[in-house]
Amino acid sequence: MAIQLLPGVLGALAILAFVVSTVQSRPLRDGVVTDGTVASIETRRDVIGPAGGRRVSRTYAPRVEFVDGNGATHTVTSSLSGGVRPAVGSTVRVSYLPARPEQARILGDAHTRVGRYLLLVIGLGFIAITVALSLTRR
């Protein structure tokens, strides 16, 4: 019985990841949106897979510099990383609160949108599998 619930749990986790990443990709409430420049890339490495078949997965998080309304330069590193390496020097959108520009957020783009919606589709697929399994077991 517990193994039948596994796809549903995985689906719920994927949908939760979709919601969190979507919220993290939107402008801050009462925030200012401005352009920032990718100054460098933080590479994150994860070892995935079972022992003996492990492989290294790399994701990339841009470190972005932007200038606030007072002319001060700030740096923020994305809390979300992805498989597409952004180009150093490219322009991205940043949202920040004027009173706390050090807590800025890098906004989502076309690359992050594809990944987010992929999580949603996978999550819904796993939930559909769970529903189908429960209907066939009756």
N, C-alpha and C. Protein backbone atom coordinates (compact mmCIF):
# COMPACT_ATOMS: atom_id res chain seq x y z
N MET A 1 0.83 -1.20 0.00
CA MET A 1 0.00 0.00 0.00
C MET A 1 0.86 1.26 0.00
N ALA A 2 1.92 1.27 0.83
CA ALA A 2 2.78 2.46 0.93
C ALA A 2 3.49 2.73 -0.39
N ILE A 3 3.88 1.68 -1.10
CA ILE A 3 4.58 1.87 -2.38
C ILE A 3 3.65 2.50 -3.41
N GLN A 4 2.35 2.26 -3.28
CA GLN A 4 1.38 2.86 -4.20
C GLN A 4 1.27 4.36 -4.00
N LEU A 5 1.60 4.84 -2.80
CA LEU A 5 1.52 6.27 -2.51
C LEU A 5 2.76 7.03 -2.95
N LEU A 6 3.84 6.32 -3.25
CA LEU A 6 5.09 6.97 -3.61
C LEU A 6 4.94 7.93 -4.79
N PRO A 7 4.28 7.55 -5.89
CA PRO A 7 4.12 8.53 -6.98
C PRO A 7 3.36 9.78 -6.54
N GLY A 8 2.37 9.63 -5.67
CA GLY A 8 1.61 10.77 -5.18
C GLY A 8 2.47 11.70 -4.35
N VAL A 9 3.33 11.12 -3.51
CA VAL A 9 4.24 11.93 -2.70
C VAL A 9 5.23 12.67 -3.60
N LEU A 10 5.79 11.97 -4.58
CA LEU A 10 6.71 12.61 -5.52
C LEU A 10 6.00 13.71 -6.30
N GLY A 11 4.75 13.46 -6.70
CA GLY A 11 3.98 14.48 -7.41
C GLY A 11 3.75 15.71 -6.55
N ALA A 12 3.38 15.49 -5.28
CA ALA A 12 3.15 16.62 -4.38
C ALA A 12 4.44 17.41 -4.17
N LEU A 13 5.57 16.73 -4.04
CA LEU A 13 6.85 17.43 -3.87
C LEU A 13 7.22 18.24 -5.12
N ALA A 14 6.96 17.68 -6.28
CA ALA A 14 7.25 18.41 -7.53
C ALA A 14 6.37 19.65 -7.65
N ILE A 15 5.11 19.53 -7.28
CA ILE A 15 4.21 20.69 -7.34
C ILE A 15 4.62 21.73 -6.31
N LEU A 16 5.03 21.29 -5.12
CA LEU A 16 5.53 22.22 -4.11
C LEU A 16 6.77 22.95 -4.62
N ALA A 17 7.68 22.23 -5.28
CA ALA A 17 8.87 22.87 -5.85
C ALA A 17 8.48 23.89 -6.92
N PHE A 18 7.45 23.57 -7.71
CA PHE A 18 6.94 24.52 -8.71
C PHE A 18 6.45 25.79 -8.04
N VAL A 19 5.66 25.65 -6.98
CA VAL A 19 5.11 26.82 -6.29
C VAL A 19 6.22 27.66 -5.68
N VAL A 20 7.16 27.03 -4.99
CA VAL A 20 8.26 27.78 -4.34
C VAL A 20 9.10 28.50 -5.38
N SER A 21 9.46 27.81 -6.45
CA SER A 21 10.30 28.45 -7.47
C SER A 21 9.55 29.57 -8.20
N THR A 22 8.25 29.42 -8.36
CA THR A 22 7.46 30.48 -8.99
C THR A 22 7.42 31.71 -8.10
N VAL A 23 7.20 31.52 -6.82
CA VAL A 23 7.18 32.65 -5.88
C VAL A 23 8.54 33.34 -5.85
N GLN A 24 9.62 32.56 -5.85
CA GLN A 24 10.97 33.11 -5.80
C GLN A 24 11.36 33.83 -7.09
N SER A 25 10.61 33.64 -8.16
CA SER A 25 10.93 34.25 -9.45
C SER A 25 10.13 35.51 -9.73
N ARG A 26 9.30 35.93 -8.79
CA ARG A 26 8.44 37.10 -9.00
C ARG A 26 8.99 38.31 -8.25
N PRO A 27 8.61 39.51 -8.68
CA PRO A 27 9.08 40.72 -7.99
C PRO A 27 8.60 40.76 -6.54
N LEU A 28 9.41 41.37 -5.69
CA LEU A 28 9.05 41.55 -4.29
C LEU A 28 7.88 42.52 -4.18
N ARG A 29 7.00 42.29 -3.24
CA ARG A 29 5.88 43.20 -3.02
C ARG A 29 6.43 44.55 -2.58
N ASP A 30 5.97 45.61 -3.20
CA ASP A 30 6.45 46.98 -2.95
C ASP A 30 7.91 47.16 -3.35
N GLY A 31 8.42 46.24 -4.16
CA GLY A 31 9.81 46.32 -4.60
C GLY A 31 9.98 47.13 -5.87
N VAL A 32 11.21 47.49 -6.12
CA VAL A 32 11.61 48.20 -7.33
C VAL A 32 12.24 47.16 -8.26
N VAL A 33 11.93 47.23 -9.54
CA VAL A 33 12.52 46.32 -10.52
C VAL A 33 13.52 47.11 -11.35
N THR A 34 14.72 46.55 -11.48
CA THR A 34 15.77 47.20 -12.25
C THR A 34 16.59 46.14 -12.98
N ASP A 35 17.47 46.60 -13.86
CA ASP A 35 18.37 45.67 -14.55
C ASP A 35 19.62 45.44 -13.70
N GLY A 36 20.11 44.23 -13.77
CA GLY A 36 21.37 43.87 -13.14
C GLY A 36 22.25 43.19 -14.16
N THR A 37 23.53 43.07 -13.85
CA THR A 37 24.48 42.43 -14.75
C THR A 37 25.07 41.20 -14.08
N VAL A 38 25.09 40.08 -14.80
CA VAL A 38 25.70 38.86 -14.27
C VAL A 38 27.20 39.09 -14.17
N ALA A 39 27.70 39.12 -12.93
CA ALA A 39 29.11 39.40 -12.68
C ALA A 39 29.94 38.11 -12.65
N SER A 40 29.34 37.04 -12.15
CA SER A 40 30.03 35.75 -12.09
C SER A 40 28.99 34.65 -11.93
N ILE A 41 29.46 33.42 -11.97
CA ILE A 41 28.58 32.26 -11.87
C ILE A 41 29.04 31.40 -10.70
N GLU A 42 28.10 31.01 -9.86
CA GLU A 42 28.39 30.05 -8.78
C GLU A 42 27.98 28.68 -9.29
N THR A 43 28.94 27.76 -9.37
CA THR A 43 28.66 26.40 -9.84
C THR A 43 28.38 25.52 -8.64
N ARG A 44 27.27 24.83 -8.68
CA ARG A 44 26.89 23.91 -7.61
C ARG A 44 26.96 22.50 -8.16
N ARG A 45 27.58 21.62 -7.38
CA ARG A 45 27.74 20.23 -7.81
C ARG A 45 26.99 19.31 -6.87
N ASP A 46 26.28 18.36 -7.45
CA ASP A 46 25.58 17.33 -6.68
C ASP A 46 25.95 15.98 -7.27
N VAL A 47 26.17 15.02 -6.39
CA VAL A 47 26.39 13.65 -6.84
C VAL A 47 25.04 12.96 -6.74
N ILE A 48 24.59 12.39 -7.86
CA ILE A 48 23.28 11.75 -7.89
C ILE A 48 23.40 10.33 -8.39
N GLY A 49 22.44 9.51 -8.02
CA GLY A 49 22.39 8.13 -8.46
C GLY A 49 22.87 7.17 -7.38
N PRO A 50 22.59 5.89 -7.58
CA PRO A 50 22.98 4.87 -6.61
C PRO A 50 24.49 4.63 -6.66
N ALA A 51 25.02 4.05 -5.60
CA ALA A 51 26.44 3.73 -5.53
C ALA A 51 26.82 2.88 -6.74
N GLY A 52 27.95 3.17 -7.32
CA GLY A 52 28.41 2.44 -8.49
C GLY A 52 27.96 3.07 -9.80
N GLY A 53 26.87 3.80 -9.77
CA GLY A 53 26.36 4.46 -10.97
C GLY A 53 26.21 5.96 -10.76
N ARG A 54 26.95 6.49 -9.81
CA ARG A 54 26.82 7.91 -9.49
C ARG A 54 27.38 8.78 -10.60
N ARG A 55 26.76 9.93 -10.75
CA ARG A 55 27.29 10.91 -11.68
C ARG A 55 27.17 12.29 -11.05
N VAL A 56 27.93 13.21 -11.56
CA VAL A 56 27.94 14.56 -11.03
C VAL A 56 26.99 15.43 -11.86
N SER A 57 26.13 16.15 -11.18
CA SER A 57 25.22 17.08 -11.81
C SER A 57 25.66 18.49 -11.43
N ARG A 58 25.79 19.35 -12.41
CA ARG A 58 26.18 20.74 -12.15
C ARG A 58 25.02 21.67 -12.45
N THR A 59 24.80 22.60 -11.55
CA THR A 59 23.83 23.65 -11.79
C THR A 59 24.53 24.98 -11.57
N TYR A 60 23.94 26.02 -12.11
CA TYR A 60 24.60 27.33 -12.11
C TYR A 60 23.66 28.39 -11.54
N ALA A 61 24.22 29.21 -10.64
CA ALA A 61 23.46 30.31 -10.04
C ALA A 61 24.21 31.61 -10.36
N PRO A 62 23.54 32.56 -11.01
CA PRO A 62 24.22 33.81 -11.34
C PRO A 62 24.43 34.70 -10.10
N ARG A 63 25.57 35.34 -10.06
CA ARG A 63 25.86 36.38 -9.07
C ARG A 63 25.73 37.69 -9.82
N VAL A 64 24.77 38.52 -9.39
CA VAL A 64 24.36 39.69 -10.16
C VAL A 64 24.65 40.98 -9.39
N GLU A 65 25.18 41.96 -10.10
CA GLU A 65 25.38 43.30 -9.54
C GLU A 65 24.32 44.23 -10.11
N PHE A 66 23.80 45.10 -9.23
CA PHE A 66 22.82 46.10 -9.67
C PHE A 66 23.03 47.38 -8.87
N VAL A 67 22.51 48.46 -9.39
CA VAL A 67 22.62 49.76 -8.74
C VAL A 67 21.24 50.15 -8.25
N ASP A 68 21.14 50.51 -6.95
CA ASP A 68 19.85 50.92 -6.41
C ASP A 68 19.53 52.38 -6.75
N GLY A 69 18.39 52.86 -6.30
CA GLY A 69 17.94 54.22 -6.60
C GLY A 69 18.83 55.31 -6.03
N ASN A 70 19.68 54.97 -5.06
CA ASN A 70 20.60 55.94 -4.46
C ASN A 70 21.98 55.90 -5.12
N GLY A 71 22.15 55.03 -6.11
CA GLY A 71 23.42 54.94 -6.81
C GLY A 71 24.41 53.96 -6.20
N ALA A 72 24.00 53.24 -5.16
CA ALA A 72 24.90 52.26 -4.52
C ALA A 72 24.83 50.93 -5.28
N THR A 73 25.97 50.27 -5.40
CA THR A 73 26.05 48.98 -6.08
C THR A 73 25.87 47.86 -5.07
N HIS A 74 25.06 46.86 -5.43
CA HIS A 74 24.80 45.71 -4.57
C HIS A 74 25.01 44.43 -5.39
N THR A 75 25.24 43.35 -4.68
CA THR A 75 25.42 42.05 -5.31
C THR A 75 24.45 41.05 -4.68
N VAL A 76 23.84 40.25 -5.52
CA VAL A 76 22.93 39.20 -5.04
C VAL A 76 23.21 37.93 -5.84
N THR A 77 23.20 36.78 -5.15
CA THR A 77 23.35 35.49 -5.83
C THR A 77 21.99 34.81 -5.83
N SER A 78 21.61 34.27 -6.94
CA SER A 78 20.31 33.63 -7.07
C SER A 78 20.17 32.48 -6.09
N SER A 79 18.99 32.39 -5.47
CA SER A 79 18.71 31.27 -4.57
C SER A 79 18.33 30.03 -5.39
N LEU A 80 18.02 30.22 -6.67
CA LEU A 80 17.67 29.12 -7.55
C LEU A 80 18.79 28.91 -8.56
N SER A 81 19.18 27.66 -8.75
CA SER A 81 20.20 27.38 -9.75
C SER A 81 19.57 26.49 -10.82
N GLY A 82 20.15 26.52 -12.00
CA GLY A 82 19.61 25.74 -13.11
C GLY A 82 20.70 25.15 -13.95
N GLY A 83 20.30 24.33 -14.90
CA GLY A 83 21.25 23.64 -15.75
C GLY A 83 21.80 24.47 -16.89
N VAL A 84 21.22 25.66 -17.11
CA VAL A 84 21.70 26.54 -18.17
C VAL A 84 22.63 27.57 -17.53
N ARG A 85 23.87 27.62 -18.02
CA ARG A 85 24.85 28.55 -17.47
C ARG A 85 24.63 29.94 -18.09
N PRO A 86 24.27 30.93 -17.24
CA PRO A 86 24.08 32.28 -17.78
C PRO A 86 25.41 32.87 -18.25
N ALA A 87 25.35 33.75 -19.20
CA ALA A 87 26.57 34.38 -19.71
C ALA A 87 26.97 35.54 -18.80
N VAL A 88 28.24 35.55 -18.41
CA VAL A 88 28.76 36.67 -17.63
C VAL A 88 28.64 37.92 -18.49
N GLY A 89 28.13 38.99 -17.88
CA GLY A 89 27.92 40.24 -18.61
C GLY A 89 26.51 40.41 -19.14
N SER A 90 25.71 39.34 -19.10
CA SER A 90 24.34 39.44 -19.58
C SER A 90 23.48 40.22 -18.58
N THR A 91 22.37 40.72 -19.06
CA THR A 91 21.47 41.52 -18.24
C THR A 91 20.31 40.68 -17.74
N VAL A 92 19.99 40.81 -16.47
CA VAL A 92 18.84 40.14 -15.87
C VAL A 92 18.03 41.17 -15.08
N ARG A 93 16.79 40.82 -14.78
CA ARG A 93 15.93 41.70 -13.99
C ARG A 93 16.10 41.36 -12.51
N VAL A 94 16.14 42.40 -11.68
CA VAL A 94 16.30 42.25 -10.24
C VAL A 94 15.20 43.04 -9.55
N SER A 95 14.67 42.50 -8.47
CA SER A 95 13.69 43.21 -7.65
C SER A 95 14.29 43.39 -6.26
N TYR A 96 14.14 44.60 -5.71
CA TYR A 96 14.65 44.87 -4.36
C TYR A 96 13.75 45.86 -3.65
N LEU A 97 13.80 45.80 -2.33
CA LEU A 97 13.08 46.77 -1.51
C LEU A 97 14.00 47.95 -1.28
N PRO A 98 13.55 49.19 -1.51
CA PRO A 98 14.43 50.35 -1.34
C PRO A 98 15.07 50.42 0.05
N ALA A 99 14.36 49.98 1.09
CA ALA A 99 14.92 50.03 2.44
C ALA A 99 15.89 48.89 2.72
N ARG A 100 15.86 47.83 1.90
CA ARG A 100 16.73 46.66 2.12
C ARG A 100 17.23 46.09 0.79
N PRO A 101 18.00 46.85 0.05
CA PRO A 101 18.44 46.37 -1.27
C PRO A 101 19.36 45.14 -1.20
N GLU A 102 19.95 44.89 -0.04
CA GLU A 102 20.82 43.71 0.10
C GLU A 102 20.02 42.41 0.06
N GLN A 103 18.70 42.50 0.18
CA GLN A 103 17.84 41.31 0.10
C GLN A 103 17.12 41.25 -1.25
N ALA A 104 17.84 41.52 -2.29
CA ALA A 104 17.27 41.54 -3.63
C ALA A 104 16.96 40.13 -4.11
N ARG A 105 16.16 40.06 -5.15
CA ARG A 105 15.76 38.79 -5.75
C ARG A 105 15.96 38.90 -7.26
N ILE A 106 16.60 37.90 -7.84
CA ILE A 106 16.76 37.83 -9.29
C ILE A 106 15.47 37.22 -9.86
N LEU A 107 14.88 37.90 -10.80
CA LEU A 107 13.60 37.46 -11.34
C LEU A 107 13.78 36.36 -12.38
N GLY A 108 12.74 35.56 -12.56
CA GLY A 108 12.78 34.47 -13.50
C GLY A 108 12.82 34.95 -14.94
N ASP A 109 13.33 34.09 -15.81
CA ASP A 109 13.36 34.38 -17.24
C ASP A 109 12.83 33.16 -17.99
N ALA A 110 13.00 33.12 -19.29
CA ALA A 110 12.47 32.02 -20.09
C ALA A 110 13.06 30.67 -19.68
N HIS A 111 14.35 30.64 -19.34
CA HIS A 111 14.99 29.38 -18.95
C HIS A 111 14.39 28.84 -17.65
N THR A 112 14.22 29.71 -16.65
CA THR A 112 13.68 29.23 -15.38
C THR A 112 12.20 28.88 -15.51
N ARG A 113 11.49 29.56 -16.39
CA ARG A 113 10.07 29.28 -16.59
C ARG A 113 9.89 27.86 -17.12
N VAL A 114 10.71 27.44 -18.06
CA VAL A 114 10.61 26.09 -18.63
C VAL A 114 10.82 25.06 -17.53
N GLY A 115 11.84 25.25 -16.71
CA GLY A 115 12.11 24.31 -15.61
C GLY A 115 10.97 24.25 -14.61
N ARG A 116 10.42 25.43 -14.28
CA ARG A 116 9.31 25.46 -13.32
C ARG A 116 8.11 24.69 -13.85
N TYR A 117 7.74 24.93 -15.10
CA TYR A 117 6.57 24.26 -15.64
C TYR A 117 6.82 22.77 -15.87
N LEU A 118 8.06 22.40 -16.09
CA LEU A 118 8.39 20.98 -16.17
C LEU A 118 8.11 20.29 -14.83
N LEU A 119 8.45 20.97 -13.72
CA LEU A 119 8.13 20.43 -12.40
C LEU A 119 6.62 20.24 -12.24
N LEU A 120 5.86 21.20 -12.71
CA LEU A 120 4.40 21.11 -12.60
C LEU A 120 3.86 19.91 -13.40
N VAL A 121 4.33 19.76 -14.62
CA VAL A 121 3.86 18.65 -15.47
C VAL A 121 4.25 17.31 -14.85
N ILE A 122 5.47 17.20 -14.36
CA ILE A 122 5.91 15.95 -13.72
C ILE A 122 5.06 15.67 -12.48
N GLY A 123 4.83 16.70 -11.67
CA GLY A 123 4.02 16.53 -10.47
C GLY A 123 2.62 16.06 -10.79
N LEU A 124 1.98 16.70 -11.76
CA LEU A 124 0.63 16.30 -12.15
C LEU A 124 0.62 14.88 -12.72
N GLY A 125 1.67 14.52 -13.45
CA GLY A 125 1.77 13.16 -14.00
C GLY A 125 1.85 12.12 -12.90
N PHE A 126 2.67 12.36 -11.89
CA PHE A 126 2.78 11.41 -10.78
C PHE A 126 1.47 11.30 -10.01
N ILE A 127 0.78 12.42 -9.83
CA ILE A 127 -0.51 12.37 -9.13
C ILE A 127 -1.53 11.60 -9.97
N ALA A 128 -1.52 11.78 -11.29
CA ALA A 128 -2.42 11.03 -12.17
C ALA A 128 -2.14 9.53 -12.07
N ILE A 129 -0.86 9.17 -12.00
CA ILE A 129 -0.50 7.75 -11.85
C ILE A 129 -1.05 7.20 -10.54
N THR A 130 -0.93 7.98 -9.47
CA THR A 130 -1.43 7.53 -8.17
C THR A 130 -2.95 7.33 -8.21
N VAL A 131 -3.66 8.27 -8.83
CA VAL A 131 -5.11 8.14 -8.94
C VAL A 131 -5.47 6.91 -9.77
N ALA A 132 -4.79 6.72 -10.89
CA ALA A 132 -5.06 5.56 -11.75
C ALA A 132 -4.80 4.25 -11.00
N LEU A 133 -3.70 4.20 -10.25
CA LEU A 133 -3.40 2.99 -9.46
C LEU A 133 -4.46 2.72 -8.41
N SER A 134 -4.93 3.78 -7.77
CA SER A 134 -5.95 3.57 -6.72
C SER A 134 -7.27 3.13 -7.31
N LEU A 135 -7.60 3.57 -8.52
CA LEU A 135 -8.86 3.17 -9.16
C LEU A 135 -8.80 1.72 -9.64
N THR A 136 -7.64 1.26 -10.08
CA THR A 136 -7.50 -0.10 -10.57
C THR A 136 -7.42 -1.11 -9.43
N ARG A 137 -7.11 -0.67 -8.22
CA ARG A 137 -6.98 -1.56 -7.07
C ARG A 137 -8.32 -1.80 -6.37
N ARG A 138 -9.34 -1.10 -6.78
CA ARG A 138 -10.64 -1.23 -6.09
C ARG A 138 -11.38 -2.45 -6.49
